[in-house]
Every structure is written in C-alpha cells, then in structure tokens.
C-alpha cells in the first residue's frame, strides 16, 4: 500500500497508488481482486488502458486535478483496449467490476490521495 486513498471521506482498505512497475502490471495475470483498487497517475492528460490478460471485468473512474470523478467506464471486458484524452484528466482508478466499491463511486465523488 503506497498511499492512503479515500472516497468522499471514507478510507479505502487495500488500495494502491501505482508506481511505474505496478502501473505496467495492473491486474494482469491476477485471478483475485487484490488490491481493492489501483490508482494511476496520467501524463499529458492521456490514458491508454487495456484489459489484456485480465480474468475479470474492470470499472474505470477518471479523476481531475481537483480530485473529482468526472467520467467513468464500467464493466470493461477482458481483452479490451481504450484511450481517453481529456484536458482535466489527472488520475484514473481501476476497480474490479464486482467490487462493492463501485456502488460508492459516482460522477462528482471526491477522491483524496494522502
């Protein structure tokens, strides 16, 4: 666990702020859903995301520099590739689709990284 992540003031257990190697691996080759979520930092306001070699669906939440969720993509199937470019993009969260965390995150949720 690299940093504490909270959503709308609620601390999230087993969350990871990805370093370079974790960002490359993500949930690839993992059959379990640990960690509960992975936070990625984007560069140049772009994100290229794939679910190759994932064994479960993912939900993605895109966060601006103020820490608010401004967009999402839910239930992304394994084997999918997508890109997002947005002037506000600073971070994005990857969360397994079956996770109960998906019920607490919505557009406008505040994500705090301490």
N, C-alpha and C. Protein backbone atom coordinates (compact mmCIF):
# COMPACT_ATOMS: atom_id res chain seq x y z
N UNK A 1 0.86 -1.17 0.00
CA UNK A 1 0.00 0.00 0.00
C UNK A 1 0.90 1.22 0.00
N UNK A 2 0.78 2.03 -1.03
CA UNK A 2 1.69 3.16 -1.19
C UNK A 2 1.18 4.43 -0.53
N UNK A 3 -0.08 4.72 -0.67
CA UNK A 3 -0.66 5.93 -0.10
C UNK A 3 -2.08 5.63 0.32
N UNK A 4 -2.60 6.42 1.24
CA UNK A 4 -3.98 6.25 1.65
C UNK A 4 -4.90 6.93 0.64
N UNK A 5 -5.93 6.22 0.23
CA UNK A 5 -6.89 6.76 -0.71
C UNK A 5 -8.25 6.76 -0.01
N UNK A 6 -8.95 7.88 -0.10
CA UNK A 6 -10.30 7.92 0.45
C UNK A 6 -11.25 8.47 -0.61
N UNK A 7 -12.49 8.01 -0.53
CA UNK A 7 -13.53 8.45 -1.47
C UNK A 7 -14.64 9.07 -0.65
N UNK A 8 -14.92 10.33 -0.94
CA UNK A 8 -15.93 11.09 -0.19
C UNK A 8 -15.71 10.94 1.32
N UNK A 9 -14.44 10.99 1.74
CA UNK A 9 -14.09 10.95 3.15
C UNK A 9 -13.96 9.57 3.77
N UNK A 10 -14.25 8.51 3.02
CA UNK A 10 -14.18 7.15 3.56
C UNK A 10 -12.89 6.49 3.08
N UNK A 11 -12.03 6.09 4.04
CA UNK A 11 -10.76 5.44 3.73
C UNK A 11 -11.01 4.09 3.07
N UNK A 12 -10.25 3.79 2.02
CA UNK A 12 -10.39 2.53 1.28
C UNK A 12 -9.22 1.61 1.64
N UNK A 13 -9.54 0.46 2.20
CA UNK A 13 -8.53 -0.53 2.57
C UNK A 13 -7.95 -1.20 1.32
N UNK A 14 -6.70 -1.61 1.40
CA UNK A 14 -6.01 -2.37 0.35
C UNK A 14 -5.99 -1.65 -0.99
N UNK A 15 -5.92 -0.33 -0.97
CA UNK A 15 -5.82 0.42 -2.22
C UNK A 15 -4.35 0.75 -2.48
N UNK A 16 -4.02 0.88 -3.75
CA UNK A 16 -2.63 1.12 -4.14
C UNK A 16 -2.56 2.31 -5.09
N UNK A 17 -1.62 3.20 -4.83
CA UNK A 17 -1.26 4.21 -5.81
C UNK A 17 -0.09 3.62 -6.57
N UNK A 18 -0.30 3.33 -7.84
CA UNK A 18 0.65 2.56 -8.62
C UNK A 18 1.96 3.30 -8.87
N UNK A 19 3.07 2.60 -8.64
CA UNK A 19 4.36 3.10 -9.10
C UNK A 19 4.52 2.61 -10.54
N UNK A 20 5.67 2.84 -11.12
CA UNK A 20 5.87 2.50 -12.53
C UNK A 20 5.62 1.02 -12.82
N UNK A 21 6.21 0.13 -12.02
CA UNK A 21 6.05 -1.31 -12.27
C UNK A 21 4.63 -1.78 -12.02
N UNK A 22 3.99 -1.26 -10.98
CA UNK A 22 2.60 -1.62 -10.72
C UNK A 22 1.69 -1.12 -11.82
N UNK A 23 2.01 0.04 -12.38
CA UNK A 23 1.21 0.59 -13.47
C UNK A 23 1.29 -0.29 -14.71
N UNK A 24 2.44 -0.88 -14.94
CA UNK A 24 2.59 -1.77 -16.10
C UNK A 24 1.78 -3.05 -15.89
N UNK A 25 1.83 -3.61 -14.67
CA UNK A 25 1.15 -4.87 -14.41
C UNK A 25 -0.34 -4.70 -14.16
N UNK A 26 -0.74 -3.74 -13.34
CA UNK A 26 -2.15 -3.57 -13.02
C UNK A 26 -2.74 -4.87 -12.49
N UNK A 27 -3.85 -5.31 -13.07
CA UNK A 27 -4.48 -6.58 -12.68
C UNK A 27 -4.13 -7.72 -13.65
N UNK A 28 -3.16 -7.51 -14.54
CA UNK A 28 -2.79 -8.57 -15.48
C UNK A 28 -2.33 -9.82 -14.74
N UNK A 29 -2.76 -10.95 -15.22
CA UNK A 29 -2.39 -12.27 -14.72
C UNK A 29 -2.86 -12.53 -13.29
N UNK A 30 -3.69 -11.67 -12.76
CA UNK A 30 -4.18 -11.83 -11.39
C UNK A 30 -5.58 -12.42 -11.43
N UNK A 31 -5.76 -13.52 -10.71
CA UNK A 31 -7.09 -14.15 -10.67
C UNK A 31 -7.90 -13.67 -9.49
N UNK A 32 -7.26 -13.04 -8.51
CA UNK A 32 -8.03 -12.48 -7.41
C UNK A 32 -8.09 -10.97 -7.55
N UNK A 33 -8.93 -10.36 -6.78
CA UNK A 33 -9.18 -8.93 -6.93
C UNK A 33 -8.45 -8.11 -5.86
N UNK A 34 -7.30 -8.60 -5.39
CA UNK A 34 -6.45 -7.80 -4.51
C UNK A 34 -5.45 -7.07 -5.37
N UNK A 35 -5.20 -5.84 -5.21
CA UNK A 35 -5.78 -4.91 -4.24
C UNK A 35 -7.20 -4.51 -4.63
N UNK A 36 -7.89 -3.84 -3.70
CA UNK A 36 -9.29 -3.48 -3.94
C UNK A 36 -9.43 -2.45 -5.05
N UNK A 37 -8.42 -1.61 -5.24
CA UNK A 37 -8.41 -0.63 -6.34
C UNK A 37 -6.97 -0.21 -6.60
N UNK A 38 -6.72 0.22 -7.82
CA UNK A 38 -5.40 0.74 -8.17
C UNK A 38 -5.59 2.14 -8.74
N UNK A 39 -4.84 3.10 -8.21
CA UNK A 39 -4.88 4.48 -8.69
C UNK A 39 -3.67 4.72 -9.58
N UNK A 40 -3.92 5.21 -10.77
CA UNK A 40 -2.85 5.50 -11.73
C UNK A 40 -2.78 7.00 -11.96
N UNK A 41 -1.57 7.53 -12.07
CA UNK A 41 -1.38 8.93 -12.45
C UNK A 41 -1.19 8.95 -13.95
N UNK A 42 -1.82 9.92 -14.60
CA UNK A 42 -1.67 10.05 -16.06
C UNK A 42 -0.69 11.17 -16.37
N UNK A 43 -0.15 11.14 -17.55
CA UNK A 43 0.77 12.17 -18.01
C UNK A 43 0.25 12.71 -19.33
N UNK A 44 0.41 13.98 -19.53
CA UNK A 44 -0.04 14.65 -20.75
C UNK A 44 -1.55 14.52 -20.95
N UNK A 45 -2.30 14.36 -19.83
CA UNK A 45 -3.76 14.31 -19.85
C UNK A 45 -4.31 13.18 -20.73
N UNK A 46 -3.57 12.07 -20.80
CA UNK A 46 -3.99 10.93 -21.61
C UNK A 46 -3.86 9.64 -20.83
N UNK A 47 -4.75 8.71 -21.11
CA UNK A 47 -4.67 7.37 -20.52
C UNK A 47 -4.91 6.34 -21.62
N UNK A 48 -4.01 5.38 -21.70
CA UNK A 48 -4.20 4.22 -22.57
C UNK A 48 -4.36 3.02 -21.65
N UNK A 49 -5.46 2.35 -21.76
CA UNK A 49 -5.81 1.31 -20.81
C UNK A 49 -6.16 0.04 -21.58
N UNK A 50 -5.65 -1.09 -21.11
CA UNK A 50 -6.06 -2.36 -21.71
C UNK A 50 -6.38 -3.35 -20.60
N UNK A 51 -7.20 -4.30 -20.94
CA UNK A 51 -7.54 -5.37 -20.01
C UNK A 51 -7.06 -6.72 -20.55
N UNK A 52 -6.00 -6.70 -21.34
CA UNK A 52 -5.42 -7.95 -21.83
C UNK A 52 -4.89 -8.74 -20.63
N UNK A 53 -5.07 -10.02 -20.65
CA UNK A 53 -4.61 -10.94 -19.61
C UNK A 53 -5.26 -10.69 -18.25
N UNK A 54 -6.40 -10.01 -18.24
CA UNK A 54 -7.19 -9.87 -17.02
C UNK A 54 -8.22 -10.99 -17.00
N UNK A 55 -8.57 -11.43 -15.82
CA UNK A 55 -9.51 -12.54 -15.69
C UNK A 55 -10.89 -12.11 -15.20
N UNK A 56 -11.10 -10.81 -15.07
CA UNK A 56 -12.39 -10.30 -14.61
C UNK A 56 -12.61 -8.92 -15.21
N UNK A 57 -13.86 -8.47 -15.21
CA UNK A 57 -14.21 -7.16 -15.74
C UNK A 57 -13.73 -6.06 -14.80
N UNK A 58 -13.43 -4.91 -15.37
CA UNK A 58 -12.98 -3.76 -14.59
C UNK A 58 -13.90 -2.56 -14.80
N UNK A 59 -13.95 -1.71 -13.80
CA UNK A 59 -14.61 -0.41 -13.93
C UNK A 59 -13.53 0.65 -13.77
N UNK A 60 -13.62 1.70 -14.57
CA UNK A 60 -12.62 2.76 -14.56
C UNK A 60 -13.28 4.08 -14.18
N UNK A 61 -12.60 4.86 -13.38
CA UNK A 61 -13.10 6.16 -12.95
C UNK A 61 -12.00 7.18 -13.20
N UNK A 62 -12.35 8.24 -13.93
CA UNK A 62 -11.39 9.25 -14.35
C UNK A 62 -11.52 10.48 -13.44
N UNK A 63 -10.37 10.96 -12.95
CA UNK A 63 -10.33 11.98 -11.90
C UNK A 63 -9.57 13.20 -12.40
N UNK A 64 -10.10 14.39 -12.08
CA UNK A 64 -9.44 15.63 -12.48
C UNK A 64 -8.42 16.07 -11.43
N UNK A 65 -7.72 17.17 -11.69
CA UNK A 65 -6.65 17.61 -10.78
C UNK A 65 -7.17 18.06 -9.43
N UNK A 66 -8.45 18.41 -9.33
CA UNK A 66 -9.04 18.76 -8.05
C UNK A 66 -9.46 17.54 -7.25
N UNK A 67 -9.39 16.35 -7.86
CA UNK A 67 -9.71 15.11 -7.17
C UNK A 67 -11.14 14.64 -7.34
N UNK A 68 -11.87 15.19 -8.30
CA UNK A 68 -13.26 14.79 -8.51
C UNK A 68 -13.39 13.85 -9.71
N UNK A 69 -14.23 12.84 -9.56
CA UNK A 69 -14.51 11.91 -10.66
C UNK A 69 -15.38 12.65 -11.68
N UNK A 70 -14.91 12.70 -12.94
CA UNK A 70 -15.67 13.42 -13.97
C UNK A 70 -16.18 12.50 -15.07
N UNK A 71 -15.72 11.25 -15.09
CA UNK A 71 -16.18 10.31 -16.11
C UNK A 71 -15.91 8.89 -15.62
N UNK A 72 -16.62 7.93 -16.20
CA UNK A 72 -16.39 6.54 -15.83
C UNK A 72 -16.67 5.63 -17.02
N UNK A 73 -16.13 4.43 -16.94
CA UNK A 73 -16.40 3.37 -17.91
C UNK A 73 -16.54 2.11 -17.07
N UNK A 74 -17.72 1.52 -17.07
CA UNK A 74 -17.98 0.40 -16.17
C UNK A 74 -18.10 -0.92 -16.92
N UNK A 75 -17.72 -1.97 -16.20
CA UNK A 75 -17.86 -3.33 -16.69
C UNK A 75 -17.09 -3.56 -18.00
N UNK A 76 -15.84 -3.13 -18.03
CA UNK A 76 -14.98 -3.32 -19.21
C UNK A 76 -14.55 -4.78 -19.27
N UNK A 77 -14.80 -5.42 -20.39
CA UNK A 77 -14.49 -6.84 -20.56
C UNK A 77 -12.99 -7.09 -20.71
N UNK A 78 -12.51 -8.27 -20.29
CA UNK A 78 -11.12 -8.64 -20.55
C UNK A 78 -10.84 -8.61 -22.05
N UNK A 79 -9.62 -8.20 -22.42
CA UNK A 79 -9.23 -8.14 -23.83
C UNK A 79 -9.60 -6.84 -24.52
N UNK A 80 -9.95 -5.82 -23.76
CA UNK A 80 -10.37 -4.53 -24.32
C UNK A 80 -9.21 -3.53 -24.26
N UNK A 81 -9.15 -2.66 -25.27
CA UNK A 81 -8.18 -1.55 -25.27
C UNK A 81 -8.96 -0.26 -25.43
N UNK A 82 -8.60 0.74 -24.65
CA UNK A 82 -9.27 2.05 -24.80
C UNK A 82 -8.29 3.17 -24.47
N UNK A 83 -8.59 4.33 -25.03
CA UNK A 83 -7.82 5.55 -24.77
C UNK A 83 -8.76 6.64 -24.34
N UNK A 84 -8.26 7.48 -23.46
CA UNK A 84 -9.02 8.66 -23.06
C UNK A 84 -8.05 9.83 -23.03
N UNK A 85 -8.45 10.89 -23.65
CA UNK A 85 -7.68 12.13 -23.61
C UNK A 85 -8.65 13.23 -23.23
N UNK A 86 -8.34 13.94 -22.16
CA UNK A 86 -9.22 14.99 -21.68
C UNK A 86 -8.37 16.03 -20.96
N UNK A 87 -8.68 17.28 -21.16
CA UNK A 87 -7.86 18.35 -20.57
C UNK A 87 -7.84 18.32 -19.05
N UNK A 88 -8.84 17.69 -18.43
CA UNK A 88 -8.92 17.64 -16.97
C UNK A 88 -8.32 16.36 -16.36
N UNK A 89 -7.95 15.40 -17.18
CA UNK A 89 -7.53 14.10 -16.67
C UNK A 89 -6.21 14.18 -15.91
N UNK A 90 -6.21 13.68 -14.66
CA UNK A 90 -5.00 13.65 -13.83
C UNK A 90 -4.71 12.23 -13.32
N UNK A 91 -5.76 11.52 -12.90
CA UNK A 91 -5.65 10.17 -12.38
C UNK A 91 -6.79 9.32 -12.93
N UNK A 92 -6.65 8.01 -12.81
CA UNK A 92 -7.80 7.13 -13.00
C UNK A 92 -7.68 5.95 -12.06
N UNK A 93 -8.85 5.43 -11.68
CA UNK A 93 -8.94 4.28 -10.79
C UNK A 93 -9.37 3.06 -11.58
N UNK A 94 -8.75 1.93 -11.30
CA UNK A 94 -9.19 0.63 -11.82
C UNK A 94 -9.75 -0.13 -10.64
N UNK A 95 -10.98 -0.60 -10.78
CA UNK A 95 -11.63 -1.35 -9.72
C UNK A 95 -12.31 -2.57 -10.35
N UNK A 96 -12.13 -3.76 -9.77
CA UNK A 96 -12.86 -4.92 -10.29
C UNK A 96 -14.37 -4.63 -10.28
N UNK A 97 -15.04 -4.97 -11.36
CA UNK A 97 -16.46 -4.63 -11.51
C UNK A 97 -17.35 -5.22 -10.45
N UNK A 98 -17.00 -6.38 -9.90
CA UNK A 98 -17.86 -6.98 -8.88
C UNK A 98 -17.63 -6.39 -7.49
N UNK A 99 -16.69 -5.49 -7.36
CA UNK A 99 -16.38 -4.88 -6.06
C UNK A 99 -17.51 -3.98 -5.57
N UNK A 100 -17.82 -4.03 -4.27
CA UNK A 100 -18.84 -3.13 -3.71
C UNK A 100 -18.41 -1.66 -3.75
N UNK A 101 -17.13 -1.39 -3.99
CA UNK A 101 -16.66 -0.01 -4.10
C UNK A 101 -17.32 0.73 -5.25
N UNK A 102 -17.74 0.00 -6.29
CA UNK A 102 -18.38 0.63 -7.44
C UNK A 102 -19.69 1.32 -7.07
N UNK A 103 -20.33 0.85 -6.01
CA UNK A 103 -21.59 1.46 -5.57
C UNK A 103 -21.36 2.81 -4.88
N UNK A 104 -20.17 3.01 -4.32
CA UNK A 104 -19.92 4.26 -3.60
C UNK A 104 -19.29 5.34 -4.47
N UNK A 105 -18.76 4.99 -5.63
CA UNK A 105 -18.12 5.97 -6.51
C UNK A 105 -19.11 6.38 -7.60
N UNK A 106 -19.22 7.67 -7.82
CA UNK A 106 -20.10 8.17 -8.88
C UNK A 106 -19.49 9.46 -9.43
N UNK A 107 -20.04 9.94 -10.50
CA UNK A 107 -19.58 11.22 -11.05
C UNK A 107 -19.76 12.29 -9.96
N UNK A 108 -18.70 13.03 -9.70
CA UNK A 108 -18.73 14.05 -8.67
C UNK A 108 -18.14 13.60 -7.35
N UNK A 109 -17.86 12.29 -7.17
CA UNK A 109 -17.23 11.81 -5.94
C UNK A 109 -15.85 12.45 -5.80
N UNK A 110 -15.45 12.72 -4.57
CA UNK A 110 -14.14 13.31 -4.31
C UNK A 110 -13.18 12.20 -3.88
N UNK A 111 -12.06 12.08 -4.60
CA UNK A 111 -11.04 11.10 -4.29
C UNK A 111 -9.85 11.83 -3.72
N UNK A 112 -9.50 11.49 -2.48
CA UNK A 112 -8.39 12.15 -1.79
C UNK A 112 -7.22 11.19 -1.70
N UNK A 113 -6.05 11.63 -2.11
CA UNK A 113 -4.84 10.82 -2.08
C UNK A 113 -3.89 11.46 -1.08
N UNK A 114 -3.69 10.81 0.05
CA UNK A 114 -2.79 11.35 1.10
C UNK A 114 -1.48 10.62 1.13
